[in-house]
Amino acid sequence: MGFILTAIKIIFLLGFLIIIHEGGHFIVAKLCKVRVNEFAIGFGPKIWSKQGKETKYELRLIPCGGFVNMEGEEEHSDKEGSFSKASVPKRFAIVVAGALVNIIFGLLAYMILIIIRYMIVKEPNFFNAFSFAISSTGNLVFAMFESIVQLFSGNVSLNDMMGPVGISQMVSQTSGIFQFVYLLAIISISLGITNLLPFVPLDGGRALLLIIEGIRKKPLKEETELKLQSAGFLVLIVFSIFVAYNDILRIV
């Protein structure tokens, strides 16, 4: 029973964060009149799909990711509603939307938890609790950005980083809804901030390429962009394996 409950918590946490992240891309794409051909949660074999008026919605077996497939995103397309034909500001908004949704959700959830805890433990004064929550949330964001700076400056080891395996272990150790939502909020903020790092193929890297395109008044050569994407994916895969290996070592 304990294993089943842990599995449910892990699947819910990962699935929820993926849904709101990809949902951010999806909603902003729709608002920008960009055609979304496919909206999928999970990877691997399809276990459910439904064709909408414009978009095919899919649920896949492995709940460790998801994607929004937009017309003209992977290669140039002259069709109406193509991502590649949208303006740079619209494409930029679509690209960063997922990470921003993760950050906004995490901050709001964290603040609500702090307010509730303050009013239960200290005093039932909403304005004092709200003020304390604002301060605590600001300290949290500062600490997260500081940890990223320390990582790139070499003051924090890569061995201290945690991937899906380590996160799953932390989720399994939570007891009660308060701890679970707290962890959900922290991971959501971390996911959003990490995704905005200026490294291809993360959303932040794609946003950086769009900024360069806006400055140059023309996109990079498709060949150059593909090389950057391929190199970035390779580094990301190696990094993910390294982090997962360290997570397993910590557990065993």
Protein backbone atom coordinates (compact mmCIF):
# COMPACT_ATOMS: atom_id res chain seq x y z
CA MET A 1 0.00 0.00 0.00
CA GLY A 2 2.88 2.35 0.86
CA PHE A 3 4.51 1.73 -2.53
CA ILE A 4 1.25 2.41 -4.38
CA LEU A 5 0.70 5.68 -2.48
CA THR A 6 4.28 6.77 -3.21
CA ALA A 7 3.85 5.96 -6.91
CA ILE A 8 0.60 7.95 -7.03
CA LYS A 9 2.27 10.96 -5.38
CA ILE A 10 5.25 10.86 -7.76
CA ILE A 11 3.07 10.49 -10.87
CA PHE A 12 0.77 13.31 -9.70
CA LEU A 13 3.66 15.66 -8.93
CA LEU A 14 5.50 15.07 -12.20
CA GLY A 15 2.29 15.00 -14.23
CA PHE A 16 0.94 18.20 -12.68
CA LEU A 17 4.16 20.15 -13.23
CA ILE A 18 4.37 18.93 -16.83
CA ILE A 19 0.74 19.82 -17.52
CA ILE A 20 1.03 23.40 -16.26
CA HIS A 21 4.39 23.86 -18.03
CA GLU A 22 3.21 22.59 -21.41
CA GLY A 23 -0.15 24.24 -20.80
CA GLY A 24 1.65 27.58 -20.56
CA HIS A 25 3.20 27.06 -24.00
CA PHE A 26 -0.14 25.86 -25.37
CA ILE A 27 -2.30 28.73 -24.07
CA VAL A 28 0.11 31.48 -25.14
CA ALA A 29 0.50 29.85 -28.57
CA LYS A 30 -3.28 29.90 -28.96
CA LEU A 31 -3.42 33.54 -27.82
CA CYS A 32 -0.76 34.39 -30.41
CA LYS A 33 -2.78 32.63 -33.14
CA VAL A 34 -0.09 29.96 -33.63
CA ARG A 35 -1.41 26.56 -34.69
CA VAL A 36 -0.77 23.72 -32.21
CA ASN A 37 -0.84 20.36 -34.00
CA GLU A 38 -0.24 18.18 -30.95
CA PHE A 39 -0.41 18.56 -27.17
CA ALA A 40 1.00 15.52 -25.34
CA ILE A 41 1.57 14.67 -21.70
CA GLY A 42 4.19 11.98 -21.16
CA PHE A 43 6.46 10.08 -23.53
CA GLY A 44 6.41 6.66 -25.12
CA PRO A 45 3.36 4.72 -26.37
CA LYS A 46 0.01 6.52 -26.53
CA ILE A 47 -2.59 5.36 -24.03
CA TRP A 48 -5.24 7.94 -25.00
CA SER A 49 -5.70 10.46 -27.78
CA LYS A 50 -8.43 12.75 -29.04
CA GLN A 51 -8.45 14.89 -32.16
CA GLY A 52 -9.81 18.34 -31.50
CA LYS A 53 -10.80 20.93 -34.07
CA GLU A 54 -7.15 21.85 -34.59
CA THR A 55 -5.06 20.01 -32.00
CA LYS A 56 -4.59 16.33 -31.22
CA TYR A 57 -4.51 15.77 -27.44
CA GLU A 58 -2.52 12.77 -26.18
CA LEU A 59 -1.70 10.99 -22.94
CA ARG A 60 1.39 8.79 -23.11
CA LEU A 61 2.66 5.97 -20.93
CA ILE A 62 5.76 7.50 -19.29
CA PRO A 63 4.82 10.55 -17.12
CA CYS A 64 8.26 12.17 -17.25
CA GLY A 65 7.76 14.88 -19.82
CA GLY A 66 5.49 16.24 -22.49
CA PHE A 67 5.49 18.46 -25.52
CA VAL A 68 3.56 20.98 -27.58
CA ASN A 69 4.06 20.46 -31.31
CA MET A 70 3.42 23.72 -33.15
CA GLU A 71 3.16 24.20 -36.89
CA GLY A 72 6.53 25.43 -38.20
CA GLU A 73 8.34 24.96 -34.88
CA GLU A 74 10.85 22.32 -35.99
CA GLU A 75 11.16 23.46 -39.60
CA HIS A 76 10.04 26.48 -41.58
CA SER A 77 6.41 26.46 -42.67
CA ASP A 78 4.48 29.00 -44.72
CA LYS A 79 1.09 27.72 -43.55
CA GLU A 80 -1.29 30.06 -41.75
CA GLY A 81 -0.63 30.08 -38.01
CA SER A 82 2.95 28.89 -38.40
CA PHE A 83 5.28 29.40 -35.44
CA SER A 84 8.14 30.29 -37.79
CA LYS A 85 6.07 33.10 -39.35
CA ALA A 86 5.07 34.64 -36.00
CA SER A 87 6.86 37.78 -34.83
CA VAL A 88 9.88 37.50 -32.53
CA PRO A 89 7.98 38.91 -29.49
CA LYS A 90 5.19 36.34 -29.99
CA ARG A 91 7.63 33.45 -30.35
CA PHE A 92 9.56 34.69 -27.31
CA ALA A 93 6.35 34.81 -25.24
CA ILE A 94 5.42 31.27 -26.29
CA VAL A 95 8.88 29.89 -25.51
CA VAL A 96 9.18 31.36 -21.99
CA ALA A 97 5.51 30.82 -21.04
CA GLY A 98 5.96 27.29 -19.67
CA ALA A 99 8.75 28.21 -17.28
CA LEU A 100 6.95 31.37 -16.14
CA VAL A 101 3.81 29.36 -15.33
CA ASN A 102 5.90 26.98 -13.21
CA ILE A 103 7.48 29.88 -11.33
CA ILE A 104 4.21 31.76 -10.79
CA PHE A 105 2.39 28.65 -9.59
CA GLY A 106 5.24 27.71 -7.25
CA LEU A 107 5.44 31.19 -5.74
CA LEU A 108 1.67 31.41 -5.20
CA ALA A 109 1.49 27.92 -3.66
CA TYR A 110 4.47 28.68 -1.39
CA MET A 111 2.96 31.99 -0.26
CA ILE A 112 -0.40 30.39 0.51
CA LEU A 113 1.29 27.70 2.61
CA ILE A 114 3.29 30.30 4.54
CA ILE A 115 0.15 32.38 5.19
CA ILE A 116 -1.79 29.35 6.46
CA ARG A 117 1.07 28.17 8.66
CA TYR A 118 1.61 31.67 10.10
CA MET A 119 -2.06 32.09 10.95
CA ILE A 120 -2.19 28.67 12.63
CA VAL A 121 1.09 28.77 14.53
CA LYS A 122 1.55 32.49 15.32
CA GLU A 123 -1.55 34.66 15.02
CA PRO A 124 -4.76 34.73 12.93
CA ASN A 125 -3.89 38.08 11.36
CA PHE A 126 -4.03 37.88 7.57
CA PHE A 127 -2.15 41.13 6.87
CA ASN A 128 0.77 40.15 9.12
CA ALA A 129 0.76 36.67 7.62
CA PHE A 130 0.73 38.10 4.08
CA SER A 131 3.63 40.44 4.87
CA PHE A 132 5.61 37.56 6.35
CA ALA A 133 4.83 35.39 3.29
CA ILE A 134 6.07 38.10 0.91
CA SER A 135 9.33 38.36 2.85
CA SER A 136 9.79 34.57 3.04
CA THR A 137 9.07 34.15 -0.68
CA GLY A 138 11.58 36.87 -1.55
CA ASN A 139 14.23 35.12 0.55
CA LEU A 140 13.44 31.82 -1.20
CA VAL A 141 13.82 33.29 -4.68
CA PHE A 142 17.07 35.02 -3.70
CA ALA A 143 18.45 31.77 -2.26
CA MET A 144 17.59 29.87 -5.45
CA PHE A 145 19.26 32.41 -7.73
CA GLU A 146 22.27 32.50 -5.41
CA SER A 147 22.60 28.71 -5.62
CA ILE A 148 22.61 28.94 -9.45
CA VAL A 149 25.31 31.61 -9.35
CA GLN A 150 27.36 29.48 -6.96
CA LEU A 151 26.96 26.46 -9.24
CA PHE A 152 28.35 28.32 -12.26
CA SER A 153 31.10 29.92 -10.16
CA GLY A 154 32.20 26.48 -8.95
CA ASN A 155 31.25 26.99 -5.30
CA VAL A 156 28.58 24.28 -5.52
CA SER A 157 29.37 20.82 -6.87
CA LEU A 158 27.34 19.13 -9.59
CA ASN A 159 27.12 16.22 -7.15
CA ASP A 160 24.74 18.34 -5.07
CA MET A 161 22.20 18.55 -7.88
CA MET A 162 19.10 16.36 -7.91
CA GLY A 163 17.18 14.77 -10.77
CA PRO A 164 13.92 12.82 -11.11
CA VAL A 165 15.27 9.89 -9.08
CA GLY A 166 16.25 12.10 -6.15
CA ILE A 167 12.99 14.04 -6.39
CA SER A 168 11.03 10.78 -6.31
CA GLN A 169 12.82 9.79 -3.11
CA MET A 170 11.97 13.14 -1.51
CA VAL A 171 8.32 12.78 -2.57
CA SER A 172 8.18 9.32 -1.02
CA GLN A 173 9.34 10.78 2.30
CA THR A 174 6.64 13.47 2.49
CA SER A 175 3.91 13.00 5.07
CA GLY A 176 0.73 15.03 4.85
CA ILE A 177 -0.66 17.43 2.30
CA PHE A 178 1.32 20.41 3.65
CA GLN A 179 4.72 18.79 3.06
CA PHE A 180 3.66 17.50 -0.34
CA VAL A 181 2.40 20.87 -1.60
CA TYR A 182 5.50 22.58 -0.16
CA LEU A 183 7.74 20.21 -2.14
CA LEU A 184 5.56 20.66 -5.21
CA ALA A 185 5.96 24.46 -4.97
CA ILE A 186 9.75 24.31 -4.51
CA ILE A 187 10.24 21.90 -7.40
CA SER A 188 7.95 23.98 -9.64
CA ILE A 189 9.96 27.15 -8.98
CA SER A 190 13.26 25.30 -9.48
CA LEU A 191 12.00 23.76 -12.72
CA GLY A 192 10.94 27.15 -14.02
CA ILE A 193 14.20 28.89 -13.14
CA THR A 194 16.29 26.03 -14.57
CA ASN A 195 14.31 26.08 -17.82
CA LEU A 196 15.08 29.78 -18.25
CA LEU A 197 18.85 29.27 -18.14
CA PRO A 198 20.38 30.49 -21.45
CA PHE A 199 21.37 27.02 -22.61
CA VAL A 200 20.08 25.37 -25.79
CA PRO A 201 17.83 23.30 -25.89
CA LEU A 202 16.22 24.64 -22.69
CA ASP A 203 13.52 27.28 -23.09
CA GLY A 204 15.98 29.94 -21.94
CA GLY A 205 18.39 28.94 -24.71
CA ARG A 206 15.65 29.14 -27.32
CA ALA A 207 14.67 32.55 -25.95
CA LEU A 208 18.30 33.67 -26.24
CA LEU A 209 18.35 32.66 -29.92
CA LEU A 210 15.21 34.73 -30.46
CA ILE A 211 16.83 37.74 -28.76
CA ILE A 212 19.83 37.34 -31.10
CA GLU A 213 17.44 37.11 -34.05
CA GLY A 214 15.69 40.29 -32.93
CA ILE A 215 19.01 42.14 -32.67
CA ARG A 216 20.30 40.84 -36.03
CA LYS A 217 16.90 41.38 -37.71
CA LYS A 218 17.22 37.89 -39.15
CA PRO A 219 17.40 34.35 -37.73
CA LEU A 220 20.54 32.28 -37.47
CA LYS A 221 21.22 29.88 -40.31
CA GLU A 222 19.10 26.76 -39.93
CA GLU A 223 22.24 24.62 -40.08
CA THR A 224 23.84 26.60 -37.23
CA GLU A 225 20.72 26.35 -35.10
CA LEU A 226 20.46 22.59 -35.69
CA LYS A 227 24.10 22.14 -34.65
CA LEU A 228 23.48 24.11 -31.45
CA GLN A 229 20.35 22.06 -30.73
CA SER A 230 22.16 18.75 -31.31
CA ALA A 231 25.13 19.72 -29.16
CA GLY A 232 22.80 20.98 -26.44
CA PHE A 233 20.75 17.78 -26.43
CA LEU A 234 23.90 15.68 -26.17
CA VAL A 235 25.18 17.70 -23.19
CA LEU A 236 21.74 17.56 -21.57
CA ILE A 237 21.52 13.77 -21.94
CA VAL A 238 25.00 13.24 -20.47
CA PHE A 239 24.20 15.66 -17.64
CA SER A 240 20.88 13.89 -16.91
CA ILE A 241 22.62 10.50 -16.74
CA PHE A 242 25.26 11.95 -14.41
CA VAL A 243 22.64 13.44 -12.07
CA ALA A 244 20.56 10.24 -12.08
CA TYR A 245 23.69 8.19 -11.25
CA ASN A 246 24.45 10.44 -8.28
CA ASP A 247 20.82 10.21 -7.12
CA ILE A 248 21.03 6.41 -7.15
CA LEU A 249 24.32 6.44 -5.24
CA ARG A 250 22.74 8.61 -2.53
CA ILE A 251 19.81 6.23 -2.21
CA VAL A 252 21.80 2.99 -2.05
